[in-house]
Amino acid sequence: MAYSGRFKPKNPQKYAGDPTNIIYRSSWECRVMDWLDKNDDILSWGSEELSIPYISPADGRSHRYYPDFIVKFKDKDDKHKIMILEVKPKYQTQQPKKPSRVTKKYIQDVMEWGKNQAKWKVASEYCMDRGWEFKLITEDHLGL
């Protein structure tokens, strides 16, 4: 069940941005926000607070990608690290299978797949240049 709303953190001092204006666009994003807010190893986090330019293969033009989350955390060795997290349904992280008859839905799925691939490639490079990590989160990671 997908839904959207406003998240109210219990630890607003951890939020990098305006803690009164945190919007989630799915129940999965809300679940991740709750975990980030409550986890003691998370030092700070933001939701759609970072903009990364990318070229969309759909139209060949420059667009801005706003990853779901940027997170500063302590690892198991107590070192501070930064990670970008993107929350997506598992089916959107896999290339669409071509059906026997090409449909509008298939074409839309292929276009979305191409845009996501471009976004995730540029996000991975952005992170690599800064010594950060990039991670896709699906329902598998959320225990659903």
C-alpha atoms as a PDB file:
ATOM      1  CA  MET A   1       0.000   0.000   0.000  1.00  0.00           C
ATOM      2  CA  ALA A   2       1.610   3.230  -1.154  1.00  0.00           C
ATOM      3  CA  TYR A   3       0.775   6.511   0.517  1.00  0.00           C
ATOM      4  CA  SER A   4       2.290   9.899   1.220  1.00  0.00           C
ATOM      5  CA  GLY A   5       2.297  12.293   4.116  1.00  0.00           C
ATOM      6  CA  ARG A   6       4.327  14.408   6.486  1.00  0.00           C
ATOM      7  CA  PHE A   7       6.853  12.751   8.822  1.00  0.00           C
ATOM      8  CA  LYS A   8       7.270  14.140  12.347  1.00  0.00           C
ATOM      9  CA  PRO A   9      10.685  13.118  13.737  1.00  0.00           C
ATOM     10  CA  LYS A  10      11.142  12.295  17.400  1.00  0.00           C
ATOM     11  CA  ASN A  11      14.753  13.531  17.066  1.00  0.00           C
ATOM     12  CA  PRO A  12      14.420  16.691  14.934  1.00  0.00           C
ATOM     13  CA  GLN A  13      17.991  17.752  15.751  1.00  0.00           C
ATOM     14  CA  LYS A  14      19.214  14.834  13.575  1.00  0.00           C
ATOM     15  CA  TYR A  15      17.389  16.083  10.480  1.00  0.00           C
ATOM     16  CA  ALA A  16      19.514  18.054   7.995  1.00  0.00           C
ATOM     17  CA  GLY A  17      16.875  20.461   6.716  1.00  0.00           C
ATOM     18  CA  ASP A  18      13.533  21.725   7.933  1.00  0.00           C
ATOM     19  CA  PRO A  19      12.237  19.056  10.362  1.00  0.00           C
ATOM     20  CA  THR A  20       8.715  20.485  10.084  1.00  0.00           C
ATOM     21  CA  ASN A  21       8.568  19.802   6.347  1.00  0.00           C
ATOM     22  CA  ILE A  22       9.610  16.173   5.821  1.00  0.00           C
ATOM     23  CA  ILE A  23       7.474  14.534   3.126  1.00  0.00           C
ATOM     24  CA  TYR A  24       7.330  10.815   2.407  1.00  0.00           C
ATOM     25  CA  ARG A  25       5.981   9.498  -0.880  1.00  0.00           C
ATOM     26  CA  SER A  26       5.461   5.874   0.116  1.00  0.00           C
ATOM     27  CA  SER A  27       4.970   3.721   3.184  1.00  0.00           C
ATOM     28  CA  TRP A  28       8.454   2.342   2.523  1.00  0.00           C
ATOM     29  CA  GLU A  29      10.024   5.813   2.666  1.00  0.00           C
ATOM     30  CA  CYS A  30       8.112   6.452   5.900  1.00  0.00           C
ATOM     31  CA  ARG A  31       9.495   3.215   7.342  1.00  0.00           C
ATOM     32  CA  VAL A  32      13.065   4.231   6.420  1.00  0.00           C
ATOM     33  CA  MET A  33      12.534   7.698   7.939  1.00  0.00           C
ATOM     34  CA  ASP A  34      11.364   6.146  11.188  1.00  0.00           C
ATOM     35  CA  TRP A  35      14.441   3.902  11.272  1.00  0.00           C
ATOM     36  CA  LEU A  36      16.811   6.807  10.505  1.00  0.00           C
ATOM     37  CA  ASP A  37      15.176   8.938  13.199  1.00  0.00           C
ATOM     38  CA  LYS A  38      15.421   6.263  15.903  1.00  0.00           C
ATOM     39  CA  ASN A  39      18.772   4.619  15.090  1.00  0.00           C
ATOM     40  CA  ASP A  40      21.557   5.788  17.436  1.00  0.00           C
ATOM     41  CA  ASP A  41      24.232   5.191  14.760  1.00  0.00           C
ATOM     42  CA  ILE A  42      22.595   7.752  12.451  1.00  0.00           C
ATOM     43  CA  LEU A  43      24.197  11.128  13.152  1.00  0.00           C
ATOM     44  CA  SER A  44      22.136  13.125  10.643  1.00  0.00           C
ATOM     45  CA  TRP A  45      19.874  12.544   7.679  1.00  0.00           C
ATOM     46  CA  GLY A  46      17.954  14.456   5.061  1.00  0.00           C
ATOM     47  CA  SER A  47      15.166  13.592   2.635  1.00  0.00           C
ATOM     48  CA  GLU A  48      15.468  14.919  -0.917  1.00  0.00           C
ATOM     49  CA  GLU A  49      17.906  17.551   0.375  1.00  0.00           C
ATOM     50  CA  LEU A  50      20.574  16.839  -2.275  1.00  0.00           C
ATOM     51  CA  SER A  51      20.344  17.627  -6.005  1.00  0.00           C
ATOM     52  CA  ILE A  52      22.479  15.769  -8.565  1.00  0.00           C
ATOM     53  CA  PRO A  53      22.312  16.764 -12.259  1.00  0.00           C
ATOM     54  CA  TYR A  54      21.917  13.971 -14.836  1.00  0.00           C
ATOM     55  CA  ILE A  55      21.068  13.549 -18.519  1.00  0.00           C
ATOM     56  CA  SER A  56      17.822  11.664 -19.106  1.00  0.00           C
ATOM     57  CA  PRO A  57      17.959   9.072 -21.885  1.00  0.00           C
ATOM     58  CA  ALA A  58      14.243   9.721 -22.454  1.00  0.00           C
ATOM     59  CA  ASP A  59      14.768  13.244 -23.822  1.00  0.00           C
ATOM     60  CA  GLY A  60      18.559  13.778 -23.824  1.00  0.00           C
ATOM     61  CA  ARG A  61      18.165  16.825 -21.575  1.00  0.00           C
ATOM     62  CA  SER A  62      19.655  17.760 -18.235  1.00  0.00           C
ATOM     63  CA  HIS A  63      17.460  17.125 -15.186  1.00  0.00           C
ATOM     64  CA  ARG A  64      17.975  17.085 -11.417  1.00  0.00           C
ATOM     65  CA  TYR A  65      17.893  13.907  -9.383  1.00  0.00           C
ATOM     66  CA  TYR A  66      16.891  14.253  -5.726  1.00  0.00           C
ATOM     67  CA  PRO A  67      17.871  11.002  -3.979  1.00  0.00           C
ATOM     68  CA  ASP A  68      15.469   9.878  -1.286  1.00  0.00           C
ATOM     69  CA  PHE A  69      17.968  10.182   1.566  1.00  0.00           C
ATOM     70  CA  ILE A  70      21.435  11.401   2.450  1.00  0.00           C
ATOM     71  CA  VAL A  71      22.649   9.887   5.706  1.00  0.00           C
ATOM     72  CA  LYS A  72      25.655  10.521   7.942  1.00  0.00           C
ATOM     73  CA  PHE A  73      26.300   7.560  10.233  1.00  0.00           C
ATOM     74  CA  LYS A  74      28.808   5.800  12.471  1.00  0.00           C
ATOM     75  CA  ASP A  75      30.022   2.452  11.172  1.00  0.00           C
ATOM     76  CA  LYS A  76      30.939  -0.539  13.348  1.00  0.00           C
ATOM     77  CA  ASP A  77      34.456   0.925  13.809  1.00  0.00           C
ATOM     78  CA  ASP A  78      32.920   4.221  15.013  1.00  0.00           C
ATOM     79  CA  LYS A  79      34.044   6.014  11.814  1.00  0.00           C
ATOM     80  CA  HIS A  80      31.737   8.633  10.334  1.00  0.00           C
ATOM     81  CA  LYS A  81      30.498   7.876   6.816  1.00  0.00           C
ATOM     82  CA  ILE A  82      27.980   9.276   4.360  1.00  0.00           C
ATOM     83  CA  MET A  83      25.552   7.281   2.247  1.00  0.00           C
ATOM     84  CA  ILE A  84      22.873   8.117  -0.287  1.00  0.00           C
ATOM     85  CA  LEU A  85      19.824   5.850  -0.109  1.00  0.00           C
ATOM     86  CA  GLU A  86      17.193   5.361  -2.802  1.00  0.00           C
ATOM     87  CA  VAL A  87      13.997   3.467  -1.954  1.00  0.00           C
ATOM     88  CA  LYS A  88      12.348   1.636  -4.865  1.00  0.00           C
ATOM     89  CA  PRO A  89      10.123  -1.378  -5.428  1.00  0.00           C
ATOM     90  CA  LYS A  90      12.270  -4.338  -6.453  1.00  0.00           C
ATOM     91  CA  TYR A  91      10.605  -4.615  -9.867  1.00  0.00           C
ATOM     92  CA  GLN A  92      11.817  -1.070 -10.687  1.00  0.00           C
ATOM     93  CA  THR A  93      15.433  -2.085 -10.015  1.00  0.00           C
ATOM     94  CA  GLN A  94      15.313  -4.796 -12.701  1.00  0.00           C
ATOM     95  CA  GLN A  95      15.149  -4.366 -16.455  1.00  0.00           C
ATOM     96  CA  PRO A  96      11.593  -4.929 -17.725  1.00  0.00           C
ATOM     97  CA  LYS A  97      11.049  -8.194 -19.587  1.00  0.00           C
ATOM     98  CA  LYS A  98       9.784  -7.711 -23.109  1.00  0.00           C
ATOM     99  CA  PRO A  99       6.285  -9.168 -23.444  1.00  0.00           C
ATOM    100  CA  SER A 100       5.094 -10.983 -26.564  1.00  0.00           C
ATOM    101  CA  ARG A 101       3.067  -7.883 -27.422  1.00  0.00           C
ATOM    102  CA  VAL A 102       4.562  -4.442 -26.720  1.00  0.00           C
ATOM    103  CA  THR A 103       2.153  -2.395 -24.594  1.00  0.00           C
ATOM    104  CA  LYS A 104       2.066   1.217 -23.386  1.00  0.00           C
ATOM    105  CA  LYS A 105       2.866  -0.034 -19.888  1.00  0.00           C
ATOM    106  CA  TYR A 106       5.961  -1.864 -21.158  1.00  0.00           C
ATOM    107  CA  ILE A 107       7.150   1.267 -22.991  1.00  0.00           C
ATOM    108  CA  GLN A 108       6.595   3.365 -19.832  1.00  0.00           C
ATOM    109  CA  ASP A 109       8.454   0.774 -17.736  1.00  0.00           C
ATOM    110  CA  VAL A 110      11.401   0.808 -20.178  1.00  0.00           C
ATOM    111  CA  MET A 111      11.520   4.625 -20.099  1.00  0.00           C
ATOM    112  CA  GLU A 112      11.413   4.634 -16.290  1.00  0.00           C
ATOM    113  CA  TRP A 113      14.113   1.940 -16.174  1.00  0.00           C
ATOM    114  CA  GLY A 114      16.350   4.054 -18.437  1.00  0.00           C
ATOM    115  CA  LYS A 115      15.857   7.198 -16.338  1.00  0.00           C
ATOM    116  CA  ASN A 116      16.516   5.297 -13.117  1.00  0.00           C
ATOM    117  CA  GLN A 117      19.672   3.744 -14.549  1.00  0.00           C
ATOM    118  CA  ALA A 118      20.958   7.214 -15.521  1.00  0.00           C
ATOM    119  CA  LYS A 119      20.133   8.595 -12.069  1.00  0.00           C
ATOM    120  CA  TRP A 120      21.746   5.713 -10.206  1.00  0.00           C
ATOM    121  CA  LYS A 121      24.872   5.810 -12.369  1.00  0.00           C
ATOM    122  CA  VAL A 122      25.399   9.515 -11.721  1.00  0.00           C
ATOM    123  CA  ALA A 123      24.625   9.051  -7.993  1.00  0.00           C
ATOM    124  CA  SER A 124      27.173   6.207  -7.764  1.00  0.00           C
ATOM    125  CA  GLU A 125      29.807   8.378  -9.463  1.00  0.00           C
ATOM    126  CA  TYR A 126      28.905  11.354  -7.256  1.00  0.00           C
ATOM    127  CA  CYS A 127      29.370   9.194  -4.162  1.00  0.00           C
ATOM    128  CA  MET A 128      32.573   7.584  -5.421  1.00  0.00           C
ATOM    129  CA  ASP A 129      34.110  11.031  -6.039  1.00  0.00           C
ATOM    130  CA  ARG A 130      33.421  11.945  -2.404  1.00  0.00           C
ATOM    131  CA  GLY A 131      34.244   8.649  -0.707  1.00  0.00           C
ATOM    132  CA  TRP A 132      30.545   8.065   0.035  1.00  0.00           C
ATOM    133  CA  GLU A 133      28.318   5.051  -0.614  1.00  0.00           C
ATOM    134  CA  PHE A 134      25.191   4.677  -2.748  1.00  0.00           C
ATOM    135  CA  LYS A 135      22.602   2.035  -1.946  1.00  0.00           C
ATOM    136  CA  LEU A 136      19.255   1.008  -3.396  1.00  0.00           C
ATOM    137  CA  ILE A 137      16.722  -0.205  -0.832  1.00  0.00           C
ATOM    138  CA  THR A 138      13.829  -2.471  -1.845  1.00  0.00           C
ATOM    139  CA  GLU A 139      11.129  -4.327   0.023  1.00  0.00           C
ATOM    140  CA  ASP A 140      13.715  -7.097   0.545  1.00  0.00           C
ATOM    141  CA  HIS A 141      15.723  -4.753   2.802  1.00  0.00           C
ATOM    142  CA  LEU A 142      12.616  -3.656   4.676  1.00  0.00           C
ATOM    143  CA  GLY A 143      11.578  -7.189   5.560  1.00  0.00           C
ATOM    144  CA  LEU A 144       8.371  -7.033   3.543  1.00  0.00           C
END
